[in-house]
Amino acid sequence: MKYPDYLEQHYTFPEFYRVRMKSPDTRLDDPATAIAESMATVLPGSGIAAGDSVAVAVGSRGIDNLAVMVRATCQQLKAIGAEPFLFPAMGSHGNATAEGQQKILEQLGVTEEFVGAPIRSSMDVVQVATLHDEVPVYFSRDALEADHAICLNRIKLHTKFKAPVESGLCKMLCIGMGKHAGALAWHNWALKYGFYPLLREITTEIVTQTNVRFGIGIVEDAHDRTAYVEAVPAADIPTREPALLEMAKASFPQLPVRDLDALIVRQVGKEISGSGMDPNVTGRASDLMEDDFSASLKATRIAVLALSDQTVGSGIGIGLADFITERVFQQLDYEKTLTNALTSLSIRKAFIPVRLADERMAIQACFTTIGPIAAEEVRAIILRDTLHVFEFWASAALLEELQTMAKVEILEPVRLEFDAKGCLSLPS
């Protein structure tokens, strides 16, 4: 393909600086023990007894220590004589297939061998209730046929809406444990009844109409490390989760500047964010009834350089970028991406942006399509991904502003260098 001459020619980028934001280390020393101690507070009143089968819902997120905590959960159940099994609780992820969802668990390290419990992967559901005389409420058949069901999930800001409850245990009950049918129903009917109101109502129905006994909420620190876990009785999940969300918000990492000419995201993926790249970081969201995230950041141009290995071709979210590389396009499993976009009604997130031959061209396009701004004046940040924002590279135009911030440490300067294939090379 022939690109415009100016993209083929040498471009002199400004000097960049490696930047690190300071944040206290609040990680748990032993997440498995924390799981055991918290489960001890809810197991006696859960009704789970020796010989009972327990369905344990596990999602598709790249949660820190996920496999370790799932194993610890199963160990505590087996310690009282119960018989746990795992089932994927992922909505449309894994191409909305049983095989695809089990594969995601394996990629996350959650295997039968490691956790010591079998995995049952099926997309079958049962309709357990109807809301507003028209909204079906679905629940996993595998889970419902067990004596009991529990779930564990990370409590985090949602990428569509802002409310007292966003992404966490309620979402797992409604969408994850409702499988693909539940995900479709919530996303579709939320456009009529609202994302949060419907989430709250479906949660109440599932808690009262099914065998869910408790959920384990996980809160991560600003560096995405396990900081807190809490087992919550099912009936208390809707009222307890808001406090856990506030805890998560207090640790949520954001860039220290609010206005950029260019944001370069080196990789996106489903394990990084449900939107591939988190709008709470990028400031970009563009779907029906989605809340405005632009208070987080306003970036004139965004480029995505690659898909993560763990996303296995799912490029959901790339449509929110202005430029992608040919590498992203070749990595893309568009069927998987489209399934996720159609299920979540997030159509724009599956759009294909302007695609350029390599990383140098994509970054250069960000710099040269913003008007008559000299390279040394372009306010640009290069991120590994939206999970890792505490260390990044900032252009020289941001240096003076960053130097005034007490929690920001300016490290060594660096020149952007590219190899023979146009791939960006930065010191680790």
Protein backbone atom coordinates (compact mmCIF):
# COMPACT_ATOMS: atom_id res chain seq x y z
CA MET A 1 0.00 0.00 0.00
CA LYS A 2 1.24 3.48 -0.86
CA TYR A 3 1.15 5.93 2.06
CA PRO A 4 1.42 9.73 1.80
CA ASP A 5 5.02 10.82 1.23
CA TYR A 6 5.28 12.67 4.54
CA LEU A 7 4.55 9.45 6.44
CA GLU A 8 7.27 7.64 4.52
CA GLN A 9 9.85 10.33 5.26
CA HIS A 10 11.92 10.85 8.39
CA TYR A 11 10.16 12.67 11.22
CA THR A 12 11.97 14.15 14.20
CA PHE A 13 10.08 13.36 17.40
CA PRO A 14 10.67 15.45 20.52
CA GLU A 15 12.56 14.12 23.50
CA PHE A 16 10.52 11.97 25.87
CA TYR A 17 11.00 11.32 29.58
CA ARG A 18 10.25 8.22 31.56
CA VAL A 19 7.86 9.16 34.35
CA ARG A 20 6.88 7.26 37.47
CA MET A 21 4.04 8.14 39.82
CA LYS A 22 4.49 7.33 43.48
CA SER A 23 1.91 5.20 45.24
CA PRO A 24 1.97 3.25 48.53
CA ASP A 25 2.32 -0.54 48.41
CA THR A 26 -0.90 -1.95 49.90
CA ARG A 27 -0.84 -5.43 48.41
CA LEU A 28 -1.82 -8.44 50.52
CA ASP A 29 1.10 -10.64 51.52
CA ASP A 30 -0.98 -13.81 51.29
CA PRO A 31 -4.21 -13.55 49.24
CA ALA A 32 -5.00 -17.24 49.76
CA THR A 33 -5.05 -16.83 53.53
CA ALA A 34 -7.16 -13.69 53.17
CA ILE A 35 -9.69 -15.69 51.14
CA ALA A 36 -9.78 -18.42 53.79
CA GLU A 37 -10.26 -15.97 56.64
CA SER A 38 -13.03 -14.07 54.87
CA MET A 39 -14.87 -17.24 53.81
CA ALA A 40 -14.82 -18.36 57.44
CA THR A 41 -17.16 -15.47 58.24
CA VAL A 42 -19.85 -16.55 55.76
CA LEU A 43 -19.60 -20.32 55.39
CA PRO A 44 -21.31 -21.19 58.72
CA GLY A 45 -24.47 -19.32 57.69
CA SER A 46 -24.39 -20.26 54.03
CA GLY A 47 -26.15 -23.60 54.31
CA ILE A 48 -23.29 -25.32 52.49
CA ALA A 49 -22.67 -28.73 54.06
CA ALA A 50 -20.60 -31.86 53.53
CA GLY A 51 -21.53 -33.66 50.32
CA ASP A 52 -23.13 -30.59 48.73
CA SER A 53 -22.16 -29.52 45.23
CA VAL A 54 -21.04 -25.89 44.89
CA ALA A 55 -20.81 -24.08 41.54
CA VAL A 56 -18.01 -21.49 41.65
CA ALA A 57 -18.34 -18.74 39.03
CA VAL A 58 -15.06 -17.46 37.56
CA GLY A 59 -14.83 -14.67 35.01
CA SER A 60 -12.51 -13.72 32.17
CA ARG A 61 -10.70 -10.75 33.68
CA GLY A 62 -6.96 -10.68 34.24
CA ILE A 63 -7.30 -10.40 38.01
CA ASP A 64 -4.13 -10.48 40.08
CA ASN A 65 -3.68 -13.85 41.85
CA LEU A 66 -6.90 -15.12 40.26
CA ALA A 67 -5.89 -18.79 40.03
CA VAL A 68 -4.45 -18.73 43.54
CA MET A 69 -7.64 -17.26 44.99
CA VAL A 70 -9.89 -19.66 43.07
CA ARG A 71 -7.84 -22.57 44.39
CA ALA A 72 -8.07 -21.18 47.94
CA THR A 73 -11.85 -20.87 47.56
CA CYS A 74 -12.16 -24.49 46.44
CA GLN A 75 -9.89 -25.65 49.26
CA GLN A 76 -12.08 -24.00 51.88
CA LEU A 77 -15.18 -25.61 50.39
CA LYS A 78 -13.53 -29.02 50.32
CA ALA A 79 -12.35 -28.53 53.90
CA ILE A 80 -15.99 -28.68 55.07
CA GLY A 81 -16.70 -31.67 52.83
CA ALA A 82 -18.39 -29.80 49.97
CA GLU A 83 -17.75 -30.68 46.33
CA PRO A 84 -16.91 -27.56 44.30
CA PHE A 85 -16.76 -27.26 40.54
CA LEU A 86 -15.93 -24.22 38.43
CA PHE A 87 -17.92 -22.73 35.60
CA PRO A 88 -17.05 -19.80 33.33
CA ALA A 89 -19.14 -16.70 34.04
CA MET A 90 -18.24 -14.52 31.06
CA GLY A 91 -21.24 -13.35 29.07
CA SER A 92 -20.16 -13.21 25.44
CA HIS A 93 -16.43 -13.62 25.96
CA GLY A 94 -14.64 -16.55 24.34
CA ASN A 95 -16.78 -16.03 21.25
CA ALA A 96 -19.81 -16.99 23.39
CA THR A 97 -18.92 -20.69 23.20
CA ALA A 98 -18.35 -23.22 25.96
CA GLU A 99 -15.01 -24.24 24.46
CA GLY A 100 -13.87 -20.66 24.06
CA GLN A 101 -14.72 -19.77 27.64
CA GLN A 102 -12.97 -22.79 29.10
CA LYS A 103 -9.91 -21.85 27.05
CA ILE A 104 -9.95 -18.38 28.61
CA LEU A 105 -9.91 -19.93 32.09
CA GLU A 106 -6.91 -22.04 31.12
CA GLN A 107 -5.11 -18.98 29.76
CA LEU A 108 -5.68 -17.30 33.13
CA GLY A 109 -4.09 -20.27 34.89
CA VAL A 110 -7.42 -21.57 36.19
CA THR A 111 -7.15 -25.25 35.32
CA GLU A 112 -8.61 -28.33 36.95
CA GLU A 113 -5.12 -29.51 37.87
CA PHE A 114 -4.16 -26.25 39.59
CA VAL A 115 -7.36 -25.45 41.47
CA GLY A 116 -8.23 -29.06 42.33
CA ALA A 117 -11.79 -28.91 41.03
CA PRO A 118 -13.46 -29.86 37.74
CA ILE A 119 -14.62 -27.27 35.21
CA ARG A 120 -18.06 -27.45 33.59
CA SER A 121 -18.39 -25.13 30.65
CA SER A 122 -21.79 -24.73 29.04
CA MET A 123 -23.81 -21.83 27.67
CA ASP A 124 -27.13 -23.31 28.87
CA VAL A 125 -29.33 -21.05 30.99
CA VAL A 126 -32.66 -21.11 32.79
CA GLN A 127 -35.01 -18.13 32.91
CA VAL A 128 -35.59 -17.58 36.63
CA ALA A 129 -37.66 -14.38 36.56
CA THR A 130 -39.21 -11.64 34.43
CA LEU A 131 -38.94 -7.93 35.21
CA HIS A 132 -41.33 -5.19 34.04
CA ASP A 133 -43.40 -7.92 32.35
CA GLU A 134 -40.82 -8.11 29.55
CA VAL A 135 -37.21 -8.36 30.78
CA PRO A 136 -36.01 -11.99 31.10
CA VAL A 137 -33.62 -12.85 33.92
CA TYR A 138 -31.31 -15.75 33.10
CA PHE A 139 -29.05 -17.92 35.23
CA SER A 140 -26.55 -20.66 34.40
CA ARG A 141 -28.17 -24.10 34.27
CA ASP A 142 -25.01 -25.73 35.63
CA ALA A 143 -25.04 -23.39 38.61
CA LEU A 144 -28.76 -23.75 39.25
CA GLU A 145 -28.58 -27.54 39.22
CA ALA A 146 -25.88 -27.50 41.91
CA ASP A 147 -26.87 -27.36 45.57
CA HIS A 148 -25.27 -23.94 45.92
CA ALA A 149 -23.52 -21.27 43.83
CA ILE A 150 -20.95 -18.63 44.70
CA CYS A 151 -18.92 -16.15 42.68
CA LEU A 152 -15.78 -14.07 42.99
CA ASN A 153 -14.94 -10.98 41.01
CA ARG A 154 -12.91 -7.80 41.09
CA ILE A 155 -14.71 -4.62 42.14
CA LYS A 156 -13.86 -1.91 39.64
CA LEU A 157 -15.12 1.15 37.79
CA HIS A 158 -17.35 0.27 34.84
CA THR A 159 -16.51 1.31 31.30
CA LYS A 160 -20.08 2.29 30.34
CA PHE A 161 -21.69 4.04 33.30
CA LYS A 162 -21.10 5.62 36.69
CA ALA A 163 -23.23 4.56 39.65
CA PRO A 164 -23.06 3.31 43.26
CA VAL A 165 -22.47 -0.20 41.84
CA GLU A 166 -20.51 -0.66 38.63
CA SER A 167 -18.32 -3.65 37.76
CA GLY A 168 -18.14 -6.34 40.41
CA LEU A 169 -20.30 -8.94 42.14
CA CYS A 170 -23.67 -7.61 40.91
CA LYS A 171 -22.38 -7.58 37.36
CA MET A 172 -21.09 -11.14 37.77
CA LEU A 173 -24.51 -12.29 39.00
CA CYS A 174 -26.37 -10.59 36.15
CA ILE A 175 -24.09 -10.95 33.16
CA GLY A 176 -21.46 -13.55 33.97
CA MET A 177 -23.70 -16.09 35.64
CA GLY A 178 -26.44 -15.28 33.14
CA LYS A 179 -24.11 -16.39 30.35
CA HIS A 180 -24.48 -14.99 26.84
CA ALA A 181 -28.28 -14.80 27.14
CA GLY A 182 -28.02 -12.79 30.34
CA ALA A 183 -25.45 -10.44 28.86
CA LEU A 184 -27.65 -9.82 25.82
CA ALA A 185 -30.74 -9.21 27.92
CA TRP A 186 -29.10 -6.72 30.30
CA HIS A 187 -27.33 -4.71 27.61
CA ASN A 188 -30.44 -4.59 25.44
CA TRP A 189 -33.05 -3.73 28.06
CA ALA A 190 -30.69 -1.33 29.85
CA LEU A 191 -31.23 1.06 26.96
CA LYS A 192 -34.84 1.29 28.13
CA TYR A 193 -34.51 0.94 31.89
CA GLY A 194 -30.99 2.22 32.55
CA PHE A 195 -27.74 0.33 33.15
CA TYR A 196 -27.59 0.69 36.93
CA PRO A 197 -31.33 0.47 37.77
CA LEU A 198 -31.66 -2.73 35.76
CA LEU A 199 -28.44 -4.16 37.22
CA ARG A 200 -29.84 -3.58 40.71
CA GLU A 201 -33.19 -5.15 39.87
CA ILE A 202 -31.73 -8.23 38.20
CA THR A 203 -29.36 -8.74 41.13
CA THR A 204 -32.30 -8.72 43.55
CA GLU A 205 -34.15 -11.31 41.48
CA ILE A 206 -31.13 -13.61 41.20
CA VAL A 207 -30.40 -13.39 44.92
CA THR A 208 -34.01 -14.29 45.79
CA GLN A 209 -34.76 -16.79 42.99
CA THR A 210 -31.54 -18.83 42.80
CA ASN A 211 -29.10 -20.72 44.98
CA VAL A 212 -26.39 -18.04 45.20
CA ARG A 213 -25.02 -18.07 48.75
CA PHE A 214 -22.27 -15.47 48.75
CA GLY A 215 -19.80 -13.58 46.60
CA ILE A 216 -16.14 -12.77 47.15
CA GLY A 217 -15.27 -9.19 46.23
CA ILE A 218 -11.68 -8.40 45.29
CA VAL A 219 -10.22 -4.90 45.43
CA GLU A 220 -6.88 -4.17 43.78
CA ASP A 221 -4.48 -1.34 44.54
CA ALA A 222 -3.26 1.30 42.11
CA HIS A 223 -0.72 -1.17 40.73
CA ASP A 224 -3.39 -3.82 40.06
CA ARG A 225 -2.26 -6.03 42.94
CA THR A 226 -4.63 -7.78 45.33
CA ALA A 227 -5.20 -5.37 48.22
CA TYR A 228 -8.41 -6.56 49.88
CA VAL A 229 -10.87 -9.45 49.69
CA GLU A 230 -14.24 -9.80 51.35
CA ALA A 231 -16.83 -12.56 51.30
CA VAL A 232 -20.32 -11.05 51.27
CA PRO A 233 -23.58 -12.98 51.90
CA ALA A 234 -25.75 -12.92 48.78
CA ALA A 235 -28.52 -10.82 50.34
CA ASP A 236 -25.98 -8.16 51.37
CA ILE A 237 -24.21 -7.82 48.01
CA PRO A 238 -26.32 -4.89 46.68
CA THR A 239 -25.81 -2.85 49.86
CA ARG A 240 -22.19 -3.79 50.58
CA GLU A 241 -20.75 -3.45 47.09
CA PRO A 242 -20.96 0.38 46.97
CA ALA A 243 -18.46 0.62 49.83
CA LEU A 244 -16.11 -1.79 48.07
CA LEU A 245 -16.42 0.30 44.90
CA GLU A 246 -15.46 3.44 46.82
CA MET A 247 -12.40 1.58 48.06
CA ALA A 248 -11.53 0.65 44.49
CA LYS A 249 -12.05 4.23 43.26
CA ALA A 250 -9.64 5.54 45.87
CA SER A 251 -6.92 3.36 44.38
CA PHE A 252 -7.80 3.75 40.71
CA PRO A 253 -4.80 5.02 38.73
CA GLN A 254 -5.22 7.97 36.40
CA LEU A 255 -2.78 10.00 34.38
CA PRO A 256 -1.67 13.20 36.16
CA VAL A 257 -2.60 15.44 33.19
CA ARG A 258 -6.02 16.04 31.69
CA ASP A 259 -5.30 17.40 28.21
CA LEU A 260 -3.18 15.67 25.57
CA ASP A 261 -2.58 16.07 21.88
CA ALA A 262 -1.65 12.41 21.53
CA LEU A 263 -2.06 9.26 23.61
CA ILE A 264 -0.18 6.19 22.41
CA VAL A 265 -1.43 2.89 23.87
CA ARG A 266 1.05 0.12 23.18
CA GLN A 267 -1.45 -2.72 23.71
CA VAL A 268 -5.16 -3.27 24.35
CA GLY A 269 -7.01 -6.42 25.40
CA LYS A 270 -10.05 -7.88 27.14
CA GLU A 271 -7.98 -8.87 30.18
CA ILE A 272 -6.89 -5.23 30.45
CA SER A 273 -10.39 -3.74 30.26
CA GLY A 274 -13.84 -4.78 29.13
CA SER A 275 -13.41 -1.99 26.58
CA GLY A 276 -9.91 -3.05 25.55
CA MET A 277 -8.59 0.24 26.87
CA ASP A 278 -10.34 1.72 29.89
CA PRO A 279 -12.27 4.96 29.19
CA ASN A 280 -11.71 5.90 32.82
CA VAL A 281 -8.09 6.38 31.70
CA THR A 282 -8.40 7.40 28.04
CA GLY A 283 -11.51 9.55 28.42
CA ARG A 284 -13.03 7.98 25.30
CA ALA A 285 -16.40 6.24 25.23
CA SER A 286 -18.90 6.35 22.42
CA ASP A 287 -22.01 4.23 22.69
CA LEU A 288 -25.72 4.58 23.35
CA MET A 289 -26.43 5.89 26.85
CA GLU A 290 -22.80 5.64 27.94
CA ASP A 291 -21.74 8.23 30.49
CA ASP A 292 -19.20 10.95 29.65
CA PHE A 293 -15.67 9.96 30.67
CA SER A 294 -13.94 13.04 29.24
CA ALA A 295 -13.30 14.48 32.70
CA SER A 296 -10.63 11.80 33.05
CA LEU A 297 -8.71 12.87 29.96
CA LYS A 298 -9.13 14.66 26.66
CA ALA A 299 -6.81 13.32 23.98
CA THR A 300 -7.05 14.72 20.47
CA ARG A 301 -5.54 11.61 18.89
CA ILE A 302 -5.20 8.04 20.15
CA ALA A 303 -3.14 5.30 18.54
CA VAL A 304 -3.16 1.60 19.42
CA LEU A 305 -0.01 -0.30 18.51
CA ALA A 306 -0.86 -3.95 19.30
CA LEU A 307 -3.31 -6.43 20.80
CA SER A 308 -2.21 -8.26 23.93
CA ASP A 309 -1.44 -11.97 23.74
CA GLN A 310 -4.12 -12.81 26.31
CA THR A 311 -6.93 -11.14 24.38
CA VAL A 312 -6.49 -13.83 21.70
CA GLY A 313 -7.67 -11.68 18.83
CA SER A 314 -10.45 -9.78 20.56
CA GLY A 315 -9.95 -6.20 19.45
CA ILE A 316 -12.93 -4.70 21.21
CA GLY A 317 -12.19 -1.03 21.88
CA ILE A 318 -9.94 -0.36 18.92
CA GLY A 319 -12.78 1.62 17.36
CA LEU A 320 -12.21 4.29 19.99
CA ALA A 321 -8.73 4.91 18.59
CA ASP A 322 -7.89 7.10 15.61
CA PHE A 323 -5.03 4.96 14.33
CA ILE A 324 -3.98 1.32 14.56
CA THR A 325 -1.03 -0.53 13.08
CA GLU A 326 -1.11 -3.21 10.44
CA ARG A 327 -0.03 -5.57 13.23
CA VAL A 328 -3.26 -4.88 15.13
CA PHE A 329 -5.28 -5.54 12.00
CA GLN A 330 -3.51 -8.87 11.40
CA GLN A 331 -3.92 -9.92 15.06
CA LEU A 332 -7.64 -9.17 14.97
CA ASP A 333 -10.19 -11.98 15.27
CA TYR A 334 -13.06 -9.95 13.94
CA GLU A 335 -15.72 -12.58 14.59
CA LYS A 336 -14.80 -12.61 18.27
CA THR A 337 -14.64 -8.82 18.37
CA LEU A 338 -18.00 -8.44 16.65
CA THR A 339 -19.70 -10.94 18.97
CA ASN A 340 -18.62 -8.89 21.97
CA ALA A 341 -19.62 -5.60 20.32
CA LEU A 342 -23.08 -6.82 19.32
CA THR A 343 -23.74 -8.40 22.73
CA SER A 344 -22.77 -5.25 24.62
CA LEU A 345 -24.38 -2.96 22.02
CA SER A 346 -21.00 -1.24 21.87
CA ILE A 347 -20.90 -1.09 18.10
CA ARG A 348 -18.33 1.67 17.72
CA LYS A 349 -15.80 -0.29 19.77
CA ALA A 350 -15.55 -2.74 16.85
CA PHE A 351 -14.98 -0.08 14.19
CA ILE A 352 -11.70 -0.31 12.27
CA PRO A 353 -9.69 2.93 12.62
CA VAL A 354 -7.20 4.29 10.10
CA ARG A 355 -4.58 1.57 9.80
CA LEU A 356 -0.94 2.33 9.13
CA ALA A 357 2.01 0.14 8.25
CA ASP A 358 3.90 0.26 11.53
CA GLU A 359 4.25 1.86 14.94
CA ARG A 360 6.38 4.75 13.73
CA MET A 361 3.74 5.78 11.19
CA ALA A 362 0.89 5.47 13.71
CA ILE A 363 2.68 7.64 16.26
CA GLN A 364 3.75 10.12 13.59
CA ALA A 365 0.16 10.39 12.35
CA CYS A 366 -0.93 11.37 15.87
CA PHE A 367 1.66 14.16 15.84
CA THR A 368 0.93 15.44 12.35
CA THR A 369 -2.89 15.43 12.21
CA ILE A 370 -3.56 17.89 15.03
CA GLY A 371 -2.89 21.12 13.20
CA PRO A 372 0.17 23.39 13.02
CA ILE A 373 1.81 22.34 16.28
CA ALA A 374 5.59 21.96 16.31
CA ALA A 375 6.81 18.51 17.39
CA GLU A 376 8.48 19.87 20.52
CA GLU A 377 5.16 21.41 21.61
CA VAL A 378 3.03 18.28 21.21
CA ARG A 379 1.67 17.04 24.56
CA ALA A 380 1.99 13.28 24.23
CA ILE A 381 2.06 10.25 26.51
CA ILE A 382 3.01 6.67 25.66
CA LEU A 383 1.38 4.00 27.85
CA ARG A 384 2.05 0.28 28.06
CA ASP A 385 -1.73 -0.19 28.50
CA THR A 386 -4.51 1.30 30.61
CA LEU A 387 -3.82 -1.06 33.50
CA HIS A 388 -0.27 0.21 33.87
CA VAL A 389 -0.36 3.99 34.12
CA PHE A 390 2.01 4.53 37.01
CA GLU A 391 4.97 4.46 34.68
CA PHE A 392 4.80 6.04 31.24
CA TRP A 393 6.73 8.17 28.77
CA ALA A 394 5.87 11.87 28.44
CA SER A 395 6.94 14.30 25.75
CA ALA A 396 9.09 17.33 26.53
CA ALA A 397 6.08 19.65 26.29
CA LEU A 398 4.70 18.08 29.50
CA LEU A 399 7.93 18.24 31.49
CA GLU A 400 7.40 21.60 33.18
CA GLU A 401 3.86 20.69 34.30
CA LEU A 402 4.89 17.28 35.60
CA GLN A 403 7.81 18.72 37.55
CA THR A 404 5.39 20.66 39.77
CA MET A 405 3.64 17.49 40.94
CA ALA A 406 4.78 16.06 44.27
CA LYS A 407 3.81 12.47 43.48
CA VAL A 408 5.53 12.40 40.09
CA GLU A 409 9.13 11.37 39.57
CA ILE A 410 10.88 12.35 36.34
CA LEU A 411 13.40 9.72 35.32
CA GLU A 412 15.79 9.57 32.37
CA PRO A 413 15.21 11.26 29.02
CA VAL A 414 14.83 9.03 25.98
CA ARG A 415 14.66 9.45 22.24
CA LEU A 416 12.04 7.48 20.36
CA GLU A 417 13.79 4.83 18.32
CA PHE A 418 12.33 2.38 15.83
CA ASP A 419 13.75 -0.83 14.44
CA ALA A 420 13.88 -1.79 10.77
CA LYS A 421 10.23 -2.91 10.93
CA GLY A 422 9.09 0.40 12.38
CA CYS A 423 8.52 -1.02 15.88
CA LEU A 424 9.02 1.32 18.81
CA SER A 425 11.94 0.50 21.09
CA LEU A 426 11.82 1.91 24.62
CA PRO A 427 13.95 0.98 27.66
CA SER A 428 12.13 -1.19 30.18
